Protein backbone atom coordinates (compact mmCIF):
# COMPACT_ATOMS: atom_id res chain seq x y z
CA MET A 1 -5.35 16.77 17.70
CA ALA A 2 -9.31 16.72 17.36
CA PRO A 3 -10.04 20.73 16.62
CA THR A 4 -12.13 22.45 19.57
CA GLU A 5 -15.55 22.88 18.61
CA ALA A 6 -15.11 26.64 19.04
CA ALA A 7 -12.74 26.67 16.56
CA THR A 8 -15.65 25.20 14.14
CA GLU A 9 -18.43 27.45 15.05
CA VAL A 10 -19.09 29.86 12.63
CA ALA A 11 -20.34 32.44 15.12
CA ASN A 12 -16.60 32.67 15.86
CA MET A 13 -15.32 33.50 12.36
CA TYR A 14 -17.82 36.39 12.16
CA ASP A 15 -19.09 39.59 14.44
CA THR A 16 -22.17 37.86 15.38
CA VAL A 17 -25.56 39.20 16.92
CA LEU A 18 -27.32 37.03 18.99
CA ILE A 19 -31.45 36.66 19.13
CA LEU A 20 -33.36 35.38 21.95
CA ASP A 21 -36.74 33.91 21.01
CA PHE A 22 -39.56 34.33 22.82
CA GLY A 23 -41.59 32.28 20.41
CA SER A 24 -42.97 35.52 17.82
CA GLN A 25 -44.08 34.48 14.41
CA TYR A 26 -41.84 37.11 13.54
CA SER A 27 -38.60 35.84 15.54
CA HIS A 28 -37.41 34.93 12.38
CA LEU A 29 -37.28 38.23 10.09
CA ILE A 30 -35.43 39.49 12.92
CA THR A 31 -32.27 37.13 11.33
CA ARG A 32 -33.41 37.86 7.95
CA ARG A 33 -33.28 41.79 8.21
CA ILE A 34 -29.71 41.82 10.22
CA ARG A 35 -28.19 38.84 7.85
CA GLU A 36 -29.23 41.68 4.62
CA ALA A 37 -27.52 44.54 6.38
CA GLY A 38 -24.41 41.94 5.69
CA VAL A 39 -24.29 41.09 10.25
CA TYR A 40 -24.42 37.40 10.92
CA CYS A 41 -26.50 36.45 13.87
CA GLU A 42 -27.48 33.40 14.87
CA LEU A 43 -31.66 32.99 16.25
CA LEU A 44 -31.67 30.78 19.84
CA PRO A 45 -34.37 29.77 22.18
CA CYS A 46 -34.80 32.60 24.68
CA THR A 47 -33.79 29.93 27.82
CA GLN A 48 -30.64 29.67 26.63
CA LYS A 49 -28.12 29.26 29.04
CA ILE A 50 -25.50 32.34 28.79
CA ALA A 51 -22.73 30.12 30.46
CA GLU A 52 -23.31 27.69 27.69
CA LEU A 53 -23.13 30.07 24.26
CA LYS A 54 -20.20 29.17 21.94
CA PHE A 55 -19.86 32.11 21.36
CA LYS A 56 -19.57 35.83 22.59
CA PRO A 57 -22.04 38.03 20.94
CA LYS A 58 -21.75 41.27 19.77
CA GLY A 59 -24.72 42.47 21.07
CA VAL A 60 -28.32 40.90 22.09
CA ILE A 61 -31.72 41.13 20.77
CA LEU A 62 -34.65 39.81 22.80
CA SER A 63 -37.71 39.06 20.47
CA GLY A 64 -41.41 39.51 21.04
CA SER A 65 -43.56 36.83 22.36
CA PRO A 66 -47.49 35.58 21.64
CA PHE A 67 -47.92 35.45 25.38
CA SER A 68 -48.02 37.95 27.89
CA ILE A 69 -45.54 38.59 30.33
CA THR A 70 -47.78 38.51 33.23
CA ASP A 71 -49.03 35.13 31.73
CA GLU A 72 -48.37 31.99 34.78
CA GLY A 73 -45.66 29.95 32.48
CA ALA A 74 -44.14 32.52 29.93
CA PRO A 75 -41.32 32.26 29.10
CA HIS A 76 -38.16 35.05 30.49
CA VAL A 77 -34.57 35.21 29.48
CA ASP A 78 -32.06 34.45 31.62
CA PRO A 79 -30.78 37.06 33.48
CA GLU A 80 -27.08 36.36 32.98
CA VAL A 81 -27.66 38.28 29.39
CA PHE A 82 -27.69 41.46 31.26
CA ASN A 83 -23.91 41.06 32.34
CA LEU A 84 -22.48 39.80 28.93
CA GLY A 85 -21.61 43.85 28.83
CA VAL A 86 -22.79 44.27 25.13
CA PRO A 87 -25.69 46.13 23.78
CA ILE A 88 -29.19 45.02 24.15
CA LEU A 89 -32.41 45.49 21.61
CA GLY A 90 -35.89 44.25 23.56
CA ILE A 91 -38.44 44.13 21.06
CA CYS A 92 -42.39 44.03 22.09
CA TYR A 93 -42.14 41.48 24.77
CA GLY A 94 -38.59 41.78 25.07
CA LEU A 95 -39.28 45.31 25.77
CA GLN A 96 -41.07 44.04 28.70
CA GLU A 97 -38.50 41.54 29.65
CA ILE A 98 -35.73 44.19 30.06
CA ALA A 99 -38.09 45.99 32.33
CA ARG A 100 -39.18 43.00 34.84
CA ASN A 101 -35.55 42.24 35.17
CA LEU A 102 -34.61 46.06 35.63
CA GLY A 103 -37.37 47.14 37.69
CA GLY A 104 -39.53 48.21 35.65
CA GLU A 105 -43.26 48.25 35.70
CA THR A 106 -45.71 46.14 32.75
CA SER A 107 -49.53 46.00 32.55
CA LEU A 108 -51.72 44.13 30.48
CA ALA A 109 -52.88 47.23 27.86
CA VAL A 110 -56.46 48.48 28.10
CA LYS A 111 -57.40 48.08 24.90
CA ARG A 112 -54.67 45.36 22.77
CA GLU A 113 -53.01 47.58 19.71
CA TYR A 114 -52.88 45.56 16.73
CA GLY A 115 -51.70 47.61 13.35
CA HIS A 116 -49.88 50.75 12.22
CA ALA A 117 -48.85 53.86 14.76
CA GLU A 118 -46.81 57.29 14.19
CA LEU A 119 -43.82 57.00 16.05
CA ASN A 120 -42.76 60.65 17.40
CA LEU A 121 -39.30 60.51 18.36
CA ASP A 122 -37.47 62.57 20.91
CA PRO A 123 -33.78 61.39 21.24
CA GLN A 124 -31.40 63.71 22.09
CA ALA A 125 -28.51 64.12 19.93
CA ASP A 126 -25.50 64.02 22.68
CA HIS A 127 -27.42 60.64 23.86
CA HIS A 128 -25.98 57.30 22.71
CA SER A 129 -29.60 56.19 21.72
CA TYR A 130 -29.04 58.71 19.54
CA LYS A 131 -27.35 55.90 17.08
CA LEU A 132 -29.98 53.97 16.83
CA PHE A 133 -33.04 56.56 15.25
CA GLN A 134 -29.90 58.07 13.12
CA ASP A 135 -31.57 58.82 10.09
CA VAL A 136 -35.00 57.63 10.78
CA PRO A 137 -37.53 60.52 10.06
CA THR A 138 -39.58 61.94 12.75
CA PRO A 139 -42.80 60.62 12.54
CA THR A 140 -41.94 57.36 11.67
CA ASN A 141 -44.51 54.77 10.54
CA VAL A 142 -44.48 51.73 12.91
CA TRP A 143 -45.89 48.26 13.61
CA MET A 144 -47.94 47.42 16.98
CA SER A 145 -49.22 44.25 18.06
CA HIS A 146 -49.08 43.97 22.04
CA GLY A 147 -51.48 42.93 24.50
CA ASP A 148 -49.18 44.33 27.42
CA HIS A 149 -47.49 47.89 27.36
CA LEU A 150 -44.67 49.18 29.87
CA GLU A 151 -46.58 51.14 32.69
CA SER A 152 -43.03 52.69 34.34
CA PRO A 153 -39.29 52.22 33.14
CA PRO A 154 -36.80 50.97 35.15
CA LYS A 155 -34.58 53.51 37.03
CA ASP A 156 -32.36 55.33 34.48
CA PHE A 157 -34.22 54.70 31.56
CA VAL A 158 -35.19 57.81 29.40
CA VAL A 159 -37.90 57.97 26.78
CA ILE A 160 -37.37 58.14 23.29
CA GLY A 161 -40.14 57.78 21.39
CA SER A 162 -43.69 57.66 22.17
CA THR A 163 -46.90 56.93 20.12
CA ALA A 164 -50.68 58.66 20.77
CA THR A 165 -51.36 55.21 22.56
CA SER A 166 -48.19 54.27 24.18
CA ALA A 167 -46.25 56.78 26.42
CA TYR A 168 -42.72 54.33 26.46
CA ALA A 169 -42.74 53.57 23.15
CA ALA A 170 -39.49 53.32 23.21
CA VAL A 171 -36.51 53.66 25.62
CA ALA A 172 -33.14 53.73 26.45
CA HIS A 173 -31.23 53.12 29.73
CA ASP A 174 -28.99 56.88 30.39
CA SER A 175 -26.04 55.50 30.07
CA LEU A 176 -25.63 51.56 28.69
CA PRO A 177 -26.57 50.33 25.51
CA ILE A 178 -30.12 48.79 26.52
CA TYR A 179 -32.57 49.73 24.79
CA GLY A 180 -36.58 48.86 24.41
CA ILE A 181 -38.80 49.00 21.65
CA GLN A 182 -42.61 48.48 21.66
CA PHE A 183 -42.89 48.22 17.87
CA HIS A 184 -42.15 45.35 15.43
CA PRO A 185 -38.82 46.65 13.19
CA GLU A 186 -38.41 43.90 11.64
CA VAL A 187 -41.77 43.32 9.49
CA THR A 188 -41.78 45.45 6.52
CA HIS A 189 -44.80 47.42 7.95
CA SER A 190 -42.37 49.55 9.89
CA ALA A 191 -41.37 52.09 7.40
CA ASP A 192 -37.94 52.59 8.84
CA GLY A 193 -37.58 49.29 10.98
CA ALA A 194 -34.58 47.61 8.68
CA LEU A 195 -32.80 51.20 9.46
CA LEU A 196 -33.10 50.88 12.89
CA LEU A 197 -32.06 47.06 13.26
CA ARG A 198 -28.64 48.17 10.94
CA ASN A 199 -27.94 51.07 13.44
CA PHE A 200 -28.60 48.52 16.26
CA VAL A 201 -26.21 46.34 14.87
CA ILE A 202 -23.71 48.28 12.82
CA GLY A 203 -23.73 51.87 14.58
CA ILE A 204 -24.44 50.38 18.51
CA CYS A 205 -22.62 47.03 18.40
CA ALA A 206 -20.14 47.86 16.27
CA CYS A 207 -20.35 44.92 14.23
CA GLU A 208 -18.51 44.14 10.76
CA ALA A 209 -20.92 44.05 7.87
CA ASN A 210 -18.81 41.27 5.99
CA TRP A 211 -21.33 38.34 6.37
CA THR A 212 -21.41 37.85 2.32
CA MET A 213 -21.46 34.52 0.51
CA SER A 214 -17.80 35.35 -0.87
CA SER A 215 -16.61 35.87 2.33
CA PHE A 216 -18.66 32.64 3.52
CA ILE A 217 -16.92 30.24 0.61
CA ASP A 218 -13.06 30.40 2.09
CA LYS A 219 -14.02 30.44 5.53
CA GLU A 220 -16.38 27.41 5.64
CA LEU A 221 -13.87 25.36 3.35
CA GLU A 222 -11.39 26.18 5.82
CA ARG A 223 -14.26 24.87 8.56
CA ILE A 224 -14.71 21.88 6.84
CA ARG A 225 -11.38 20.87 6.59
CA THR A 226 -10.75 21.37 9.89
CA LEU A 227 -13.38 19.28 10.77
CA VAL A 228 -12.50 16.45 9.03
CA GLY A 229 -8.35 16.91 9.35
CA PRO A 230 -6.23 15.87 6.88
CA GLN A 231 -6.63 12.02 6.56
CA GLY A 232 -11.11 11.94 7.32
CA SER A 233 -13.26 11.37 4.42
CA VAL A 234 -17.25 12.41 3.87
CA ILE A 235 -19.80 10.46 2.62
CA GLY A 236 -22.69 12.72 1.04
CA ALA A 237 -26.18 12.79 1.07
CA VAL A 238 -27.16 13.66 -1.92
CA SER A 239 -30.37 13.86 -3.94
CA GLY A 240 -30.43 16.26 -6.88
CA GLY A 241 -31.72 19.49 -5.21
CA VAL A 242 -30.15 22.99 -4.60
CA ASP A 243 -29.44 22.31 -0.88
CA SER A 244 -27.20 18.79 -1.10
CA THR A 245 -25.64 19.68 -4.36
CA VAL A 246 -24.34 23.21 -3.30
CA ALA A 247 -22.71 21.09 -0.51
CA ALA A 248 -21.73 18.32 -2.37
CA VAL A 249 -19.59 20.85 -4.29
CA LEU A 250 -18.50 22.63 -1.39
CA MET A 251 -17.10 19.38 0.41
CA LYS A 252 -15.69 18.26 -3.41
CA ARG A 253 -13.58 21.55 -3.38
CA ALA A 254 -12.70 21.52 0.66
CA ILE A 255 -11.26 17.54 0.63
CA GLY A 256 -10.97 16.93 -3.07
CA ASP A 257 -11.25 12.79 -3.66
CA ARG A 258 -12.26 12.51 0.27
CA PHE A 259 -15.99 13.29 -0.54
CA HIS A 260 -17.95 10.34 -1.17
CA ALA A 261 -21.41 11.05 -2.93
CA VAL A 262 -24.35 8.58 -2.29
CA LEU A 263 -28.37 8.95 -3.52
CA VAL A 264 -30.23 6.69 -2.07
CA ASP A 265 -33.01 5.65 -3.90
CA ASN A 266 -35.65 5.21 -1.27
CA GLY A 267 -38.82 4.35 -3.73
CA VAL A 268 -40.75 8.05 -3.30
CA MET A 269 -38.30 10.65 -5.67
CA ARG A 270 -40.19 11.90 -8.32
CA LEU A 271 -40.63 10.78 -12.00
CA ASN A 272 -36.86 9.53 -13.71
CA GLU A 273 -35.00 11.41 -10.48
CA CYS A 274 -32.03 9.00 -9.94
CA ALA A 275 -31.27 9.22 -13.63
CA GLN A 276 -31.55 12.89 -13.60
CA VAL A 277 -29.41 13.47 -10.56
CA LYS A 278 -26.23 10.67 -11.85
CA GLN A 279 -26.21 12.80 -14.61
CA THR A 280 -26.35 16.24 -13.28
CA LEU A 281 -23.45 15.32 -10.68
CA ALA A 282 -21.48 12.52 -11.67
CA ASP A 283 -21.21 13.31 -15.61
CA ASN A 284 -21.34 17.12 -15.38
CA LEU A 285 -20.10 18.53 -11.93
CA GLY A 286 -17.59 15.38 -11.42
CA ILE A 287 -18.78 13.68 -8.31
CA ASN A 288 -17.95 10.42 -7.24
CA LEU A 289 -21.19 9.18 -7.07
CA THR A 290 -22.85 5.70 -5.68
CA VAL A 291 -26.46 5.08 -6.25
CA ALA A 292 -27.59 2.54 -3.52
CA ASP A 293 -31.27 1.19 -4.24
CA ALA A 294 -33.32 0.69 -1.06
CA SER A 295 -36.68 1.53 -2.34
CA GLU A 296 -37.99 -2.15 -1.01
CA LEU A 297 -36.66 -1.39 1.99
CA PHE A 298 -38.00 2.26 2.90
CA LEU A 299 -41.89 1.17 1.08
CA GLY A 300 -41.85 -2.27 3.24
CA ARG A 301 -40.87 -0.27 6.89
CA LEU A 302 -43.55 2.72 5.72
CA LYS A 303 -46.75 -0.18 4.76
CA GLY A 304 -49.66 0.86 6.74
CA VAL A 305 -48.07 3.69 8.49
CA THR A 306 -50.25 6.99 7.95
CA ASP A 307 -48.88 9.43 10.63
CA PRO A 308 -46.49 12.11 9.14
CA GLU A 309 -44.35 12.00 12.23
CA ARG A 310 -43.91 7.94 11.71
CA LYS A 311 -43.25 8.54 8.53
CA ARG A 312 -40.64 10.83 8.60
CA LYS A 313 -38.74 9.00 11.62
CA ILE A 314 -38.89 6.00 9.57
CA ILE A 315 -37.20 8.16 6.47
CA GLY A 316 -34.58 9.49 8.54
CA ASN A 317 -33.32 6.20 10.58
CA THR A 318 -34.05 4.41 6.99
CA PHE A 319 -31.87 6.84 5.35
CA ILE A 320 -28.95 7.00 8.41
CA GLU A 321 -29.03 2.81 8.23
CA VAL A 322 -28.16 2.77 4.56
CA PHE A 323 -26.08 5.42 4.04
CA GLU A 324 -23.69 3.62 7.07
CA ALA A 325 -24.29 0.35 4.80
CA GLU A 326 -23.00 1.83 1.70
CA ALA A 327 -19.94 3.81 4.11
CA HIS A 328 -18.49 0.74 5.02
CA LYS A 329 -18.33 -0.53 1.57
CA ILE A 330 -16.39 2.70 0.52
CA ASP A 331 -14.39 2.94 3.96
CA GLU A 332 -13.42 -0.65 2.63
CA ILE A 333 -12.13 0.88 -0.54
CA SER A 334 -11.04 3.84 0.46
CA ARG A 335 -8.65 2.30 3.41
CA GLN A 336 -7.53 0.06 0.77
CA ASN A 337 -6.31 2.82 -1.34
CA GLY A 338 -4.22 4.72 1.63
CA LEU A 339 -6.97 7.32 2.03
CA GLY A 340 -8.88 8.06 5.53
CA PRO A 341 -11.69 5.95 7.04
CA ILE A 342 -15.34 7.46 6.33
CA ASP A 343 -16.52 8.63 9.62
CA TRP A 344 -18.60 11.81 8.36
CA LEU A 345 -21.68 12.06 6.73
CA LEU A 346 -22.80 15.37 4.63
CA GLN A 347 -26.51 16.91 4.91
CA GLY A 348 -27.92 19.77 3.59
CA THR A 349 -29.95 21.07 6.75
CA LEU A 350 -30.43 25.09 6.01
CA TYR A 351 -31.16 27.47 8.96
CA PRO A 352 -34.78 27.37 8.77
CA ASP A 353 -35.37 23.21 9.39
CA VAL A 354 -33.21 24.21 12.55
CA ILE A 355 -35.54 27.20 13.45
CA GLU A 356 -38.50 25.44 12.93
CA SER A 357 -37.13 22.42 14.96
CA ILE A 358 -36.40 23.76 17.86
CA SER A 359 -39.05 24.83 20.56
CA PHE A 360 -38.58 28.21 22.41
CA LYS A 361 -39.54 26.95 25.79
CA GLY A 362 -38.02 23.92 26.48
CA PRO A 363 -39.56 20.86 25.45
CA SER A 364 -42.97 22.18 23.70
CA ALA A 365 -44.05 21.20 20.67
CA THR A 366 -42.24 21.94 17.57
CA ILE A 367 -44.42 22.31 14.19
CA LYS A 368 -42.86 19.55 13.12
CA SER A 369 -39.68 17.53 13.19
CA HIS A 370 -37.44 18.10 9.21
CA HIS A 371 -35.83 15.49 7.99
CA ASN A 372 -32.31 16.67 7.84
CA VAL A 373 -32.45 17.68 11.79
CA GLY A 374 -34.95 15.30 13.21
CA GLY A 375 -35.93 11.41 13.44
CA LEU A 376 -31.98 10.28 13.49
CA LEU A 377 -30.63 7.15 15.06
CA GLU A 378 -29.92 7.46 18.53
CA ASP A 379 -26.75 5.17 17.74
CA MET A 380 -25.72 6.82 14.37
CA ARG A 381 -22.19 5.87 13.96
CA LEU A 382 -21.30 8.66 11.48
CA LYS A 383 -20.98 12.26 12.98
CA LEU A 384 -22.86 14.58 10.70
CA ILE A 385 -21.23 17.45 8.97
CA GLU A 386 -23.53 20.47 8.07
CA PRO A 387 -22.16 23.30 6.07
CA LEU A 388 -24.92 24.88 5.02
CA ARG A 389 -26.79 24.80 8.75
CA GLU A 390 -26.45 28.53 8.89
CA LEU A 391 -27.61 29.60 5.89
CA PHE A 392 -31.14 30.59 4.45
CA LYS A 393 -32.43 29.39 0.76
CA ASP A 394 -31.81 33.05 -1.22
CA GLU A 395 -28.20 32.81 0.68
CA VAL A 396 -27.46 28.82 -0.57
CA ARG A 397 -28.46 29.67 -3.98
CA ALA A 398 -26.54 32.86 -4.08
CA LEU A 399 -23.49 30.69 -3.06
CA GLY A 400 -24.43 28.16 -5.87
CA ALA A 401 -23.67 30.83 -8.40
CA LEU A 402 -20.33 31.40 -6.76
CA LEU A 403 -19.71 27.83 -6.92
CA GLU A 404 -20.23 27.93 -10.91
CA ILE A 405 -23.15 25.46 -10.61
CA PRO A 406 -25.87 25.40 -13.43
CA GLU A 407 -28.55 27.94 -12.81
CA ASP A 408 -31.44 25.55 -13.37
CA LEU A 409 -30.20 23.77 -10.55
CA ILE A 410 -29.96 26.09 -8.59
CA TRP A 411 -33.27 27.78 -9.28
CA ARG A 412 -34.57 24.34 -8.95
CA HIS A 413 -37.54 23.82 -6.62
CA PRO A 414 -36.85 22.12 -3.15
CA PHE A 415 -37.82 18.71 -2.36
CA PRO A 416 -38.41 17.00 0.95
CA GLY A 417 -36.14 14.17 2.43
CA PRO A 418 -38.71 12.36 2.95
CA GLY A 419 -40.44 12.87 -0.15
CA ILE A 420 -43.17 11.73 -2.03
CA ALA A 421 -44.14 10.04 1.07
CA ILE A 422 -45.13 12.93 2.66
CA ARG A 423 -47.17 14.16 -0.14
CA VAL A 424 -49.67 10.87 -0.12
CA LEU A 425 -51.37 11.74 2.67
CA GLY A 426 -52.26 8.47 4.44
CA GLU A 427 -50.70 5.19 3.91
CA VAL A 428 -47.77 5.12 1.31
CA THR A 429 -47.78 2.23 -1.23
CA PRO A 430 -45.77 2.03 -4.85
CA ALA A 431 -49.64 2.50 -6.47
CA GLN A 432 -50.15 5.92 -4.36
CA VAL A 433 -46.91 7.13 -5.26
CA GLU A 434 -46.99 6.13 -8.80
CA ILE A 435 -49.60 8.58 -9.07
CA ALA A 436 -48.36 11.43 -6.83
CA ARG A 437 -45.34 11.14 -8.83
CA LEU A 438 -46.83 11.34 -12.39
CA ALA A 439 -49.33 13.91 -11.52
CA ASP A 440 -46.34 16.32 -10.17
CA ASN A 441 -44.06 15.53 -13.31
CA ILE A 442 -47.48 16.81 -15.61
CA TYR A 443 -47.70 19.91 -13.21
CA ILE A 444 -44.29 20.71 -13.24
CA ASP A 445 -43.73 20.58 -16.99
CA GLU A 446 -47.04 22.43 -17.50
CA ILE A 447 -46.02 25.65 -15.14
CA LYS A 448 -42.36 25.42 -16.72
CA LYS A 449 -43.95 25.29 -20.07
CA ALA A 450 -45.93 28.93 -19.14
CA GLY A 451 -42.55 30.13 -17.83
CA LEU A 452 -44.14 29.88 -14.34
CA TYR A 453 -40.99 27.79 -12.86
CA ARG A 454 -38.70 30.89 -11.67
CA GLN A 455 -41.67 32.97 -10.32
CA ILE A 456 -42.89 29.78 -8.02
CA SER A 457 -40.65 29.27 -5.37
CA GLN A 458 -42.29 26.00 -4.37
CA ALA A 459 -44.68 23.77 -6.52
CA TYR A 460 -45.86 19.89 -5.91
CA ALA A 461 -48.73 17.66 -6.47
CA ALA A 462 -50.31 16.14 -3.02
CA LEU A 463 -52.08 13.30 -3.19
CA LEU A 464 -55.27 13.11 -0.66
CA PRO A 465 -56.76 10.41 1.35
CA VAL A 466 -60.37 10.76 0.09
CA ARG A 467 -62.26 9.67 -3.05
CA SER A 468 -64.96 11.35 -5.22
CA VAL A 469 -67.41 10.97 -7.60
CA GLY A 470 -67.13 11.13 -11.45
CA VAL A 471 -68.11 10.55 -14.87
CA MET A 472 -65.57 10.03 -17.63
CA GLY A 473 -66.61 9.03 -20.70
CA ASP A 474 -70.49 7.39 -19.99
CA GLN A 475 -68.77 5.75 -16.39
CA ARG A 476 -69.68 6.79 -13.03
CA THR A 477 -65.97 6.97 -11.46
CA TYR A 478 -65.18 7.09 -8.01
CA GLU A 479 -61.60 7.82 -7.71
CA GLN A 480 -59.20 9.81 -5.88
CA VAL A 481 -57.89 13.37 -5.17
CA ILE A 482 -55.33 15.67 -6.63
CA ALA A 483 -54.25 18.66 -4.86
CA LEU A 484 -51.99 21.05 -6.23
CA ARG A 485 -49.75 23.83 -4.19
CA ALA A 486 -47.28 26.56 -5.36
CA VAL A 487 -46.42 29.46 -3.06
CA GLU A 488 -44.19 32.41 -3.62
CA THR A 489 -41.98 32.69 -0.70
CA LYS A 490 -37.98 34.14 0.17
CA ASP A 491 -36.58 32.36 2.83
CA PHE A 492 -39.69 29.70 3.08
CA MET A 493 -40.15 30.91 6.73
CA THR A 494 -43.46 32.00 5.78
CA ALA A 495 -45.25 32.07 2.01
CA ASP A 496 -47.74 33.04 -0.05
CA TRP A 497 -49.76 31.03 -2.38
CA PHE A 498 -49.24 31.62 -5.66
CA PRO A 499 -51.84 33.12 -8.40
CA MET A 500 -51.64 30.54 -10.98
CA PRO A 501 -53.64 32.14 -14.30
CA VAL A 502 -57.07 29.78 -14.90
CA ASP A 503 -55.88 29.16 -18.23
CA VAL A 504 -52.48 27.71 -17.05
CA MET A 505 -54.49 25.32 -14.32
CA LYS A 506 -56.96 24.38 -17.06
CA ARG A 507 -54.07 22.63 -18.59
CA ILE A 508 -52.55 20.33 -15.78
CA SER A 509 -56.04 19.90 -14.59
CA ASN A 510 -56.82 18.19 -17.70
CA ARG A 511 -53.65 16.21 -18.13
CA ILE A 512 -53.57 15.24 -14.97
CA ILE A 513 -57.29 13.69 -15.15
CA ASN A 514 -56.88 12.53 -18.79
CA GLU A 515 -53.38 10.95 -17.89
CA VAL A 516 -52.88 9.86 -14.62
CA LYS A 517 -55.07 6.83 -14.03
CA GLY A 518 -57.09 6.92 -10.96
CA VAL A 519 -57.53 10.38 -10.70
CA ASN A 520 -60.79 12.80 -11.26
CA ARG A 521 -60.44 15.24 -9.93
CA VAL A 522 -58.04 18.54 -8.87
CA LEU A 523 -57.65 20.88 -6.33
CA TYR A 524 -55.95 23.56 -6.35
CA ASP A 525 -54.16 25.31 -2.05
CA VAL A 526 -54.81 28.72 -2.13
CA SER A 527 -53.47 28.38 2.21
CA SER A 528 -50.47 30.72 3.22
CA LYS A 529 -47.72 29.97 5.68
CA PRO A 530 -48.45 30.62 8.65
CA PRO A 531 -51.51 28.93 9.20
CA SER A 532 -50.72 26.42 7.04
CA THR A 533 -47.15 24.77 6.06
CA ILE A 534 -46.05 24.60 2.82
CA GLU A 535 -46.10 20.86 2.91
CA PHE A 536 -49.31 18.99 3.95
CA GLU A 537 -47.29 16.56 5.92
């Protein structure tokens, strides 16, 4: 009997808080803060139909939004959320959405409030709202970012906090566990925001704080075995990066020899990547590995393509095609050896990939489609299995350490599925790939020598689609430009550019210009995410 979907949902294995996203730039931070409190949570679009949820949440949080509650086309929650019978916390726009549904009044503020504010609390010790602000001092510093405000709260709501400009900065239903706050507790600017969120999910929702990677391992191993079954086999999409390696080791531990790893040489990998991956996965970690050289196929299909989304779709589709071809070969061998058929495809999708690839308001535009969650063939024969789909990068690394994967591999910088193809801006040709590949190798080599590699979350060299005038020796040159990118981040949802020491940049620039033929200029990217993304494409 095939396992039911409910039996394989991570959200059904833990006490889970549901976060409904109205498009706020801070929504992912709510997720991070709750996970840090040891409670599992999932972020879904605010348009999620409650009847279609695959799990019963222990509580619900309504996020902020860039919209005004009065805008035509502003996003709204399914009213059924108020019939779930679980605690609800509305943050900023979420507060106004509570008011809209339960009979309160909102309006445009005379002056938009953005920045620090002093919140004065007045919860009664014998009132249930006291738990929300338990151990939070008064006054406390909070972060405001809103243009609308609550004009009057719904019937049966009481005021439990105010600021100089917001009389209803925190409200609560008199008897039901429904709360609304005008400020953003998820940002670090709110001094006691993390404590407030912890109070909500543990003190009010009564969630067990058991979300740890040590607990996740056993539950995930059992989930994989349930999904795959006693006879099924899995073919793995591996690259040598931390995500696919952790996923592969987890899969091998779950089903042993029924896991088959395949590395596709797509022609846009880093310098000597295939040889290094083979040594790491096959020789060191004992994983069955097949290397499929499809570089000519990939580069042929990318010829003449300059649009980043088309690159991603082409690479995603071609990956699946190659995997299915390899799976067919392995399938035959597996059947001959009395093992189950190959019918699952492993991918190392992470939670930020999922978040960035969903729209908070139906079919509206996304930032970009991720290789692991977008661009897949509609008629793909293999079913996807994604054991890391619910994890952030720091959680994956913690999981890797528990799985005893070598430290240097755990801390290896991320490398995108489309590879150097999205670091060569413009048309992808073998010559352009080689320039970007050599420049990137020099860059990473120098930051490692300088002892900076672990301080940087991700670094790479990109080849820009421009040429510049230069002078080398006595010759005038008109050659290409390399842009260096290095960022610091904890969860890859937001990132700051890394302040690279000038002496290190000098060495990197000098080496690239002298050692990489066709380059006469090196730039350093000093933009953060947002507004920029970590990758150029």
